[in-house]
Amino acid sequence: MTNNHSVWTIERMRGLGVTTDVVTAGSILGIGRTTAYQLARTGAFPVPVLRAGNKYLVAVAHLLDAIGAEK
């Protein structure tokens, strides 16, 4: 989980690994926790989301693409 006041650098995003949870992905994109879950549930999250059991996962590569960073 992340602190809403965290600064997300490209290096820090890459340090997350291959995937991250939807709350962290939302934080990177400036989306709050509740809204991130709502968007994930309805298929409206700004990047593709994978549902694994009761978790929502987001590929870090998709987040890097969304902010225009080189992978």
PDB file of N, CA and C in Angstrom:
ATOM      1  N   MET A   1       0.819  -1.183   0.000  1.00  0.00           N
ATOM      2  CA  MET A   1       0.000   0.000   0.000  1.00  0.00           C
ATOM      3  C   MET A   1       0.855   1.235   0.000  1.00  0.00           C
ATOM      4  N   THR A   2       0.292   2.293  -0.465  1.00  0.00           N
ATOM      5  CA  THR A   2       1.064   3.516  -0.604  1.00  0.00           C
ATOM      6  C   THR A   2       0.455   4.632   0.213  1.00  0.00           C
ATOM      7  N   ASN A   3       1.277   5.599   0.484  1.00  0.00           N
ATOM      8  CA  ASN A   3       0.840   6.825   1.126  1.00  0.00           C
ATOM      9  C   ASN A   3       0.347   7.759   0.033  1.00  0.00           C
ATOM     10  N   ASN A   4      -0.797   8.367   0.202  1.00  0.00           N
ATOM     11  CA  ASN A   4      -1.353   9.254  -0.820  1.00  0.00           C
ATOM     12  C   ASN A   4      -0.447  10.433  -1.135  1.00  0.00           C
ATOM     13  N   HIS A   5       0.515  10.714  -0.265  1.00  0.00           N
ATOM     14  CA  HIS A   5       1.402  11.850  -0.471  1.00  0.00           C
ATOM     15  C   HIS A   5       2.736  11.412  -1.060  1.00  0.00           C
ATOM     16  N   SER A   6       2.841  10.182  -1.522  1.00  0.00           N
ATOM     17  CA  SER A   6       4.069   9.668  -2.098  1.00  0.00           C
ATOM     18  C   SER A   6       4.335  10.299  -3.458  1.00  0.00           C
ATOM     19  N   VAL A   7       5.604  10.455  -3.757  1.00  0.00           N
ATOM     20  CA  VAL A   7       6.019  10.921  -5.069  1.00  0.00           C
ATOM     21  C   VAL A   7       6.447   9.700  -5.863  1.00  0.00           C
ATOM     22  N   TRP A   8       5.828   9.505  -7.011  1.00  0.00           N
ATOM     23  CA  TRP A   8       6.140   8.340  -7.844  1.00  0.00           C
ATOM     24  C   TRP A   8       7.103   8.732  -8.952  1.00  0.00           C
ATOM     25  N   THR A   9       8.329   8.239  -8.850  1.00  0.00           N
ATOM     26  CA  THR A   9       9.306   8.417  -9.913  1.00  0.00           C
ATOM     27  C   THR A   9       9.254   7.179 -10.805  1.00  0.00           C
ATOM     28  N   ILE A  10       9.797   7.286 -11.983  1.00  0.00           N
ATOM     29  CA  ILE A  10       9.838   6.136 -12.890  1.00  0.00           C
ATOM     30  C   ILE A  10      10.643   5.005 -12.258  1.00  0.00           C
ATOM     31  N   GLU A  11      11.741   5.344 -11.613  1.00  0.00           N
ATOM     32  CA  GLU A  11      12.563   4.320 -10.964  1.00  0.00           C
ATOM     33  C   GLU A  11      11.789   3.616  -9.856  1.00  0.00           C
ATOM     34  N   ARG A  12      11.049   4.377  -9.090  1.00  0.00           N
ATOM     35  CA  ARG A  12      10.259   3.783  -8.008  1.00  0.00           C
ATOM     36  C   ARG A  12       9.158   2.884  -8.573  1.00  0.00           C
ATOM     37  N   MET A  13       8.554   3.308  -9.682  1.00  0.00           N
ATOM     38  CA  MET A  13       7.534   2.477 -10.321  1.00  0.00           C
ATOM     39  C   MET A  13       8.146   1.168 -10.816  1.00  0.00           C
ATOM     40  N   ARG A  14       9.305   1.246 -11.453  1.00  0.00           N
ATOM     41  CA  ARG A  14       9.969   0.026 -11.936  1.00  0.00           C
ATOM     42  C   ARG A  14      10.314  -0.903 -10.782  1.00  0.00           C
ATOM     43  N   GLY A  15      10.599  -0.324  -9.626  1.00  0.00           N
ATOM     44  CA  GLY A  15      10.932  -1.102  -8.439  1.00  0.00           C
ATOM     45  C   GLY A  15       9.761  -1.898  -7.884  1.00  0.00           C
ATOM     46  N   LEU A  16       8.556  -1.631  -8.360  1.00  0.00           N
ATOM     47  CA  LEU A  16       7.382  -2.373  -7.893  1.00  0.00           C
ATOM     48  C   LEU A  16       7.374  -3.812  -8.385  1.00  0.00           C
ATOM     49  N   GLY A  17       8.108  -4.081  -9.441  1.00  0.00           N
ATOM     50  CA  GLY A  17       8.096  -5.424 -10.031  1.00  0.00           C
ATOM     51  C   GLY A  17       7.217  -5.445 -11.263  1.00  0.00           C
ATOM     52  N   VAL A  18       6.702  -6.613 -11.579  1.00  0.00           N
ATOM     53  CA  VAL A  18       5.918  -6.796 -12.801  1.00  0.00           C
ATOM     54  C   VAL A  18       4.496  -6.259 -12.650  1.00  0.00           C
ATOM     55  N   THR A  19       3.889  -6.499 -11.498  1.00  0.00           N
ATOM     56  CA  THR A  19       2.520  -6.032 -11.250  1.00  0.00           C
ATOM     57  C   THR A  19       2.443  -5.315  -9.916  1.00  0.00           C
ATOM     58  N   THR A  20       1.360  -4.581  -9.753  1.00  0.00           N
ATOM     59  CA  THR A  20       1.081  -3.921  -8.482  1.00  0.00           C
ATOM     60  C   THR A  20      -0.423  -3.973  -8.238  1.00  0.00           C
ATOM     61  N   ASP A  21      -0.827  -3.643  -7.035  1.00  0.00           N
ATOM     62  CA  ASP A  21      -2.262  -3.657  -6.716  1.00  0.00           C
ATOM     63  C   ASP A  21      -2.938  -2.409  -7.265  1.00  0.00           C
ATOM     64  N   VAL A  22      -4.242  -2.466  -7.352  1.00  0.00           N
ATOM     65  CA  VAL A  22      -5.011  -1.377  -7.965  1.00  0.00           C
ATOM     66  C   VAL A  22      -4.941  -0.086  -7.143  1.00  0.00           C
ATOM     67  N   VAL A  23      -4.750  -0.182  -5.851  1.00  0.00           N
ATOM     68  CA  VAL A  23      -4.640   1.019  -5.017  1.00  0.00           C
ATOM     69  C   VAL A  23      -3.341   1.762  -5.334  1.00  0.00           C
ATOM     70  N   THR A  24      -2.243   1.012  -5.458  1.00  0.00           N
ATOM     71  CA  THR A  24      -0.965   1.618  -5.809  1.00  0.00           C
ATOM     72  C   THR A  24      -1.029   2.196  -7.219  1.00  0.00           C
ATOM     73  N   ALA A  25      -1.601   1.441  -8.149  1.00  0.00           N
ATOM     74  CA  ALA A  25      -1.754   1.928  -9.521  1.00  0.00           C
ATOM     75  C   ALA A  25      -2.582   3.211  -9.533  1.00  0.00           C
ATOM     76  N   GLY A  26      -3.633   3.233  -8.769  1.00  0.00           N
ATOM     77  CA  GLY A  26      -4.455   4.436  -8.668  1.00  0.00           C
ATOM     78  C   GLY A  26      -3.669   5.617  -8.125  1.00  0.00           C
ATOM     79  N   SER A  27      -2.861   5.370  -7.117  1.00  0.00           N
ATOM     80  CA  SER A  27      -2.040   6.426  -6.538  1.00  0.00           C
ATOM     81  C   SER A  27      -1.101   7.019  -7.583  1.00  0.00           C
ATOM     82  N   ILE A  28      -0.504   6.161  -8.391  1.00  0.00           N
ATOM     83  CA  ILE A  28       0.397   6.611  -9.447  1.00  0.00           C
ATOM     84  C   ILE A  28      -0.351   7.491 -10.447  1.00  0.00           C
ATOM     85  N   LEU A  29      -1.591   7.129 -10.730  1.00  0.00           N
ATOM     86  CA  LEU A  29      -2.394   7.852 -11.717  1.00  0.00           C
ATOM     87  C   LEU A  29      -3.215   8.988 -11.118  1.00  0.00           C
ATOM     88  N   GLY A  30      -3.083   9.204  -9.811  1.00  0.00           N
ATOM     89  CA  GLY A  30      -3.830  10.282  -9.160  1.00  0.00           C
ATOM     90  C   GLY A  30      -5.275   9.938  -8.862  1.00  0.00           C
ATOM     91  N   ILE A  31      -5.543   8.645  -8.682  1.00  0.00           N
ATOM     92  CA  ILE A  31      -6.899   8.158  -8.414  1.00  0.00           C
ATOM     93  C   ILE A  31      -6.943   7.627  -6.985  1.00  0.00           C
ATOM     94  N   GLY A  32      -7.939   8.015  -6.231  1.00  0.00           N
ATOM     95  CA  GLY A  32      -8.085   7.556  -4.854  1.00  0.00           C
ATOM     96  C   GLY A  32      -8.501   6.095  -4.768  1.00  0.00           C
ATOM     97  N   ARG A  33      -8.374   5.537  -3.582  1.00  0.00           N
ATOM     98  CA  ARG A  33      -8.640   4.122  -3.324  1.00  0.00           C
ATOM     99  C   ARG A  33     -10.048   3.696  -3.724  1.00  0.00           C
ATOM    100  N   THR A  34     -11.052   4.386  -3.242  1.00  0.00           N
ATOM    101  CA  THR A  34     -12.441   4.009  -3.522  1.00  0.00           C
ATOM    102  C   THR A  34     -12.740   4.084  -5.010  1.00  0.00           C
ATOM    103  N   THR A  35     -12.321   5.161  -5.633  1.00  0.00           N
ATOM    104  CA  THR A  35     -12.550   5.318  -7.069  1.00  0.00           C
ATOM    105  C   THR A  35     -11.787   4.258  -7.862  1.00  0.00           C
ATOM    106  N   ALA A  36     -10.559   3.948  -7.443  1.00  0.00           N
ATOM    107  CA  ALA A  36      -9.768   2.926  -8.139  1.00  0.00           C
ATOM    108  C   ALA A  36     -10.502   1.585  -8.133  1.00  0.00           C
ATOM    109  N   TYR A  37     -11.042   1.195  -6.991  1.00  0.00           N
ATOM    110  CA  TYR A  37     -11.790  -0.065  -6.924  1.00  0.00           C
ATOM    111  C   TYR A  37     -13.061  -0.002  -7.770  1.00  0.00           C
ATOM    112  N   GLN A  38     -13.759   1.118  -7.724  1.00  0.00           N
ATOM    113  CA  GLN A  38     -14.980   1.259  -8.533  1.00  0.00           C
ATOM    114  C   GLN A  38     -14.663   1.142 -10.018  1.00  0.00           C
ATOM    115  N   LEU A  39     -13.613   1.811 -10.466  1.00  0.00           N
ATOM    116  CA  LEU A  39     -13.234   1.754 -11.869  1.00  0.00           C
ATOM    117  C   LEU A  39     -12.796   0.348 -12.273  1.00  0.00           C
ATOM    118  N   ALA A  40     -12.058  -0.318 -11.399  1.00  0.00           N
ATOM    119  CA  ALA A  40     -11.616  -1.689 -11.689  1.00  0.00           C
ATOM    120  C   ALA A  40     -12.812  -2.630 -11.807  1.00  0.00           C
ATOM    121  N   ARG A  41     -13.760  -2.499 -10.887  1.00  0.00           N
ATOM    122  CA  ARG A  41     -14.948  -3.366 -10.903  1.00  0.00           C
ATOM    123  C   ARG A  41     -15.787  -3.182 -12.162  1.00  0.00           C
ATOM    124  N   THR A  42     -15.839  -1.958 -12.652  1.00  0.00           N
ATOM    125  CA  THR A  42     -16.689  -1.673 -13.813  1.00  0.00           C
ATOM    126  C   THR A  42     -15.943  -1.745 -15.140  1.00  0.00           C
ATOM    127  N   GLY A  43     -14.649  -2.061 -15.083  1.00  0.00           N
ATOM    128  CA  GLY A  43     -13.862  -2.150 -16.310  1.00  0.00           C
ATOM    129  C   GLY A  43     -13.472  -0.803 -16.879  1.00  0.00           C
ATOM    130  N   ALA A  44     -13.542   0.243 -16.061  1.00  0.00           N
ATOM    131  CA  ALA A  44     -13.259   1.598 -16.536  1.00  0.00           C
ATOM    132  C   ALA A  44     -11.923   2.149 -16.035  1.00  0.00           C
ATOM    133  N   PHE A  45     -11.102   1.314 -15.399  1.00  0.00           N
ATOM    134  CA  PHE A  45      -9.794   1.777 -14.931  1.00  0.00           C
ATOM    135  C   PHE A  45      -8.982   2.195 -16.160  1.00  0.00           C
ATOM    136  N   PRO A  46      -8.171   3.246 -16.067  1.00  0.00           N
ATOM    137  CA  PRO A  46      -7.478   3.779 -17.250  1.00  0.00           C
ATOM    138  C   PRO A  46      -6.495   2.831 -17.940  1.00  0.00           C
ATOM    139  N   VAL A  47      -6.057   1.783 -17.260  1.00  0.00           N
ATOM    140  CA  VAL A  47      -5.179   0.778 -17.856  1.00  0.00           C
ATOM    141  C   VAL A  47      -5.784  -0.593 -17.576  1.00  0.00           C
ATOM    142  N   PRO A  48      -5.391  -1.612 -18.339  1.00  0.00           N
ATOM    143  CA  PRO A  48      -5.957  -2.951 -18.110  1.00  0.00           C
ATOM    144  C   PRO A  48      -5.713  -3.455 -16.689  1.00  0.00           C
ATOM    145  N   VAL A  49      -6.724  -4.122 -16.145  1.00  0.00           N
ATOM    146  CA  VAL A  49      -6.670  -4.682 -14.794  1.00  0.00           C
ATOM    147  C   VAL A  49      -6.960  -6.176 -14.881  1.00  0.00           C
ATOM    148  N   LEU A  50      -6.178  -6.953 -14.152  1.00  0.00           N
ATOM    149  CA  LEU A  50      -6.378  -8.398 -14.076  1.00  0.00           C
ATOM    150  C   LEU A  50      -6.971  -8.722 -12.718  1.00  0.00           C
ATOM    151  N   ARG A  51      -8.041  -9.492 -12.716  1.00  0.00           N
ATOM    152  CA  ARG A  51      -8.617  -9.913 -11.442  1.00  0.00           C
ATOM    153  C   ARG A  51      -8.082 -11.296 -11.106  1.00  0.00           C
ATOM    154  N   ALA A  52      -7.471 -11.415  -9.945  1.00  0.00           N
ATOM    155  CA  ALA A  52      -6.917 -12.680  -9.469  1.00  0.00           C
ATOM    156  C   ALA A  52      -7.558 -12.980  -8.124  1.00  0.00           C
ATOM    157  N   GLY A  53      -8.596 -13.814  -8.145  1.00  0.00           N
ATOM    158  CA  GLY A  53      -9.345 -14.074  -6.911  1.00  0.00           C
ATOM    159  C   GLY A  53     -10.049 -12.813  -6.484  1.00  0.00           C
ATOM    160  N   ASN A  54      -9.731 -12.351  -5.275  1.00  0.00           N
ATOM    161  CA  ASN A  54     -10.364 -11.117  -4.789  1.00  0.00           C
ATOM    162  C   ASN A  54      -9.438  -9.908  -4.920  1.00  0.00           C
ATOM    163  N   LYS A  55      -8.353 -10.061  -5.692  1.00  0.00           N
ATOM    164  CA  LYS A  55      -7.407  -8.963  -5.899  1.00  0.00           C
ATOM    165  C   LYS A  55      -7.480  -8.444  -7.322  1.00  0.00           C
ATOM    166  N   TYR A  56      -7.181  -7.161  -7.460  1.00  0.00           N
ATOM    167  CA  TYR A  56      -7.058  -6.543  -8.769  1.00  0.00           C
ATOM    168  C   TYR A  56      -5.581  -6.195  -8.958  1.00  0.00           C
ATOM    169  N   LEU A  57      -4.998  -6.655 -10.047  1.00  0.00           N
ATOM    170  CA  LEU A  57      -3.591  -6.404 -10.334  1.00  0.00           C
ATOM    171  C   LEU A  57      -3.450  -5.600 -11.612  1.00  0.00           C
ATOM    172  N   VAL A  58      -2.431  -4.762 -11.635  1.00  0.00           N
ATOM    173  CA  VAL A  58      -2.148  -3.929 -12.793  1.00  0.00           C
ATOM    174  C   VAL A  58      -0.681  -4.131 -13.167  1.00  0.00           C
ATOM    175  N   ALA A  59      -0.417  -4.345 -14.453  1.00  0.00           N
ATOM    176  CA  ALA A  59       0.956  -4.489 -14.930  1.00  0.00           C
ATOM    177  C   ALA A  59       1.651  -3.132 -14.857  1.00  0.00           C
ATOM    178  N   VAL A  60       2.838  -3.120 -14.280  1.00  0.00           N
ATOM    179  CA  VAL A  60       3.608  -1.884 -14.182  1.00  0.00           C
ATOM    180  C   VAL A  60       3.916  -1.342 -15.579  1.00  0.00           C
ATOM    181  N   ALA A  61       4.122  -2.220 -16.543  1.00  0.00           N
ATOM    182  CA  ALA A  61       4.384  -1.778 -17.922  1.00  0.00           C
ATOM    183  C   ALA A  61       3.226  -0.924 -18.451  1.00  0.00           C
ATOM    184  N   HIS A  62       1.995  -1.282 -18.109  1.00  0.00           N
ATOM    185  CA  HIS A  62       0.837  -0.489 -18.542  1.00  0.00           C
ATOM    186  C   HIS A  62       0.848   0.892 -17.883  1.00  0.00           C
ATOM    187  N   LEU A  63       1.269   0.944 -16.629  1.00  0.00           N
ATOM    188  CA  LEU A  63       1.346   2.234 -15.941  1.00  0.00           C
ATOM    189  C   LEU A  63       2.428   3.113 -16.567  1.00  0.00           C
ATOM    190  N   LEU A  64       3.570   2.501 -16.872  1.00  0.00           N
ATOM    191  CA  LEU A  64       4.645   3.257 -17.519  1.00  0.00           C
ATOM    192  C   LEU A  64       4.188   3.802 -18.867  1.00  0.00           C
ATOM    193  N   ASP A  65       3.449   2.981 -19.629  1.00  0.00           N
ATOM    194  CA  ASP A  65       2.887   3.437 -20.902  1.00  0.00           C
ATOM    195  C   ASP A  65       1.915   4.603 -20.678  1.00  0.00           C
ATOM    196  N   ALA A  66       1.090   4.483 -19.657  1.00  0.00           N
ATOM    197  CA  ALA A  66       0.061   5.502 -19.395  1.00  0.00           C
ATOM    198  C   ALA A  66       0.662   6.866 -19.093  1.00  0.00           C
ATOM    199  N   ILE A  67       1.827   6.879 -18.468  1.00  0.00           N
ATOM    200  CA  ILE A  67       2.449   8.170 -18.153  1.00  0.00           C
ATOM    201  C   ILE A  67       3.474   8.581 -19.208  1.00  0.00           C
ATOM    202  N   GLY A  68       3.627   7.750 -20.253  1.00  0.00           N
ATOM    203  CA  GLY A  68       4.523   8.097 -21.343  1.00  0.00           C
ATOM    204  C   GLY A  68       5.989   7.830 -21.059  1.00  0.00           C
ATOM    205  N   ALA A  69       6.265   6.948 -20.109  1.00  0.00           N
ATOM    206  CA  ALA A  69       7.654   6.623 -19.763  1.00  0.00           C
ATOM    207  C   ALA A  69       8.172   5.493 -20.651  1.00  0.00           C
ATOM    208  N   GLU A  70       9.459   5.513 -20.908  1.00  0.00           N
ATOM    209  CA  GLU A  70      10.065   4.407 -21.644  1.00  0.00           C
ATOM    210  C   GLU A  70      10.206   3.228 -20.701  1.00  0.00           C
ATOM    211  N   LYS A  71       9.909   2.048 -21.247  1.00  0.00           N
ATOM    212  CA  LYS A  71      10.038   0.839 -20.437  1.00  0.00           C
ATOM    213  C   LYS A  71      11.477   0.436 -20.452  1.00  0.00           C
TER     214      LYS A  71
END
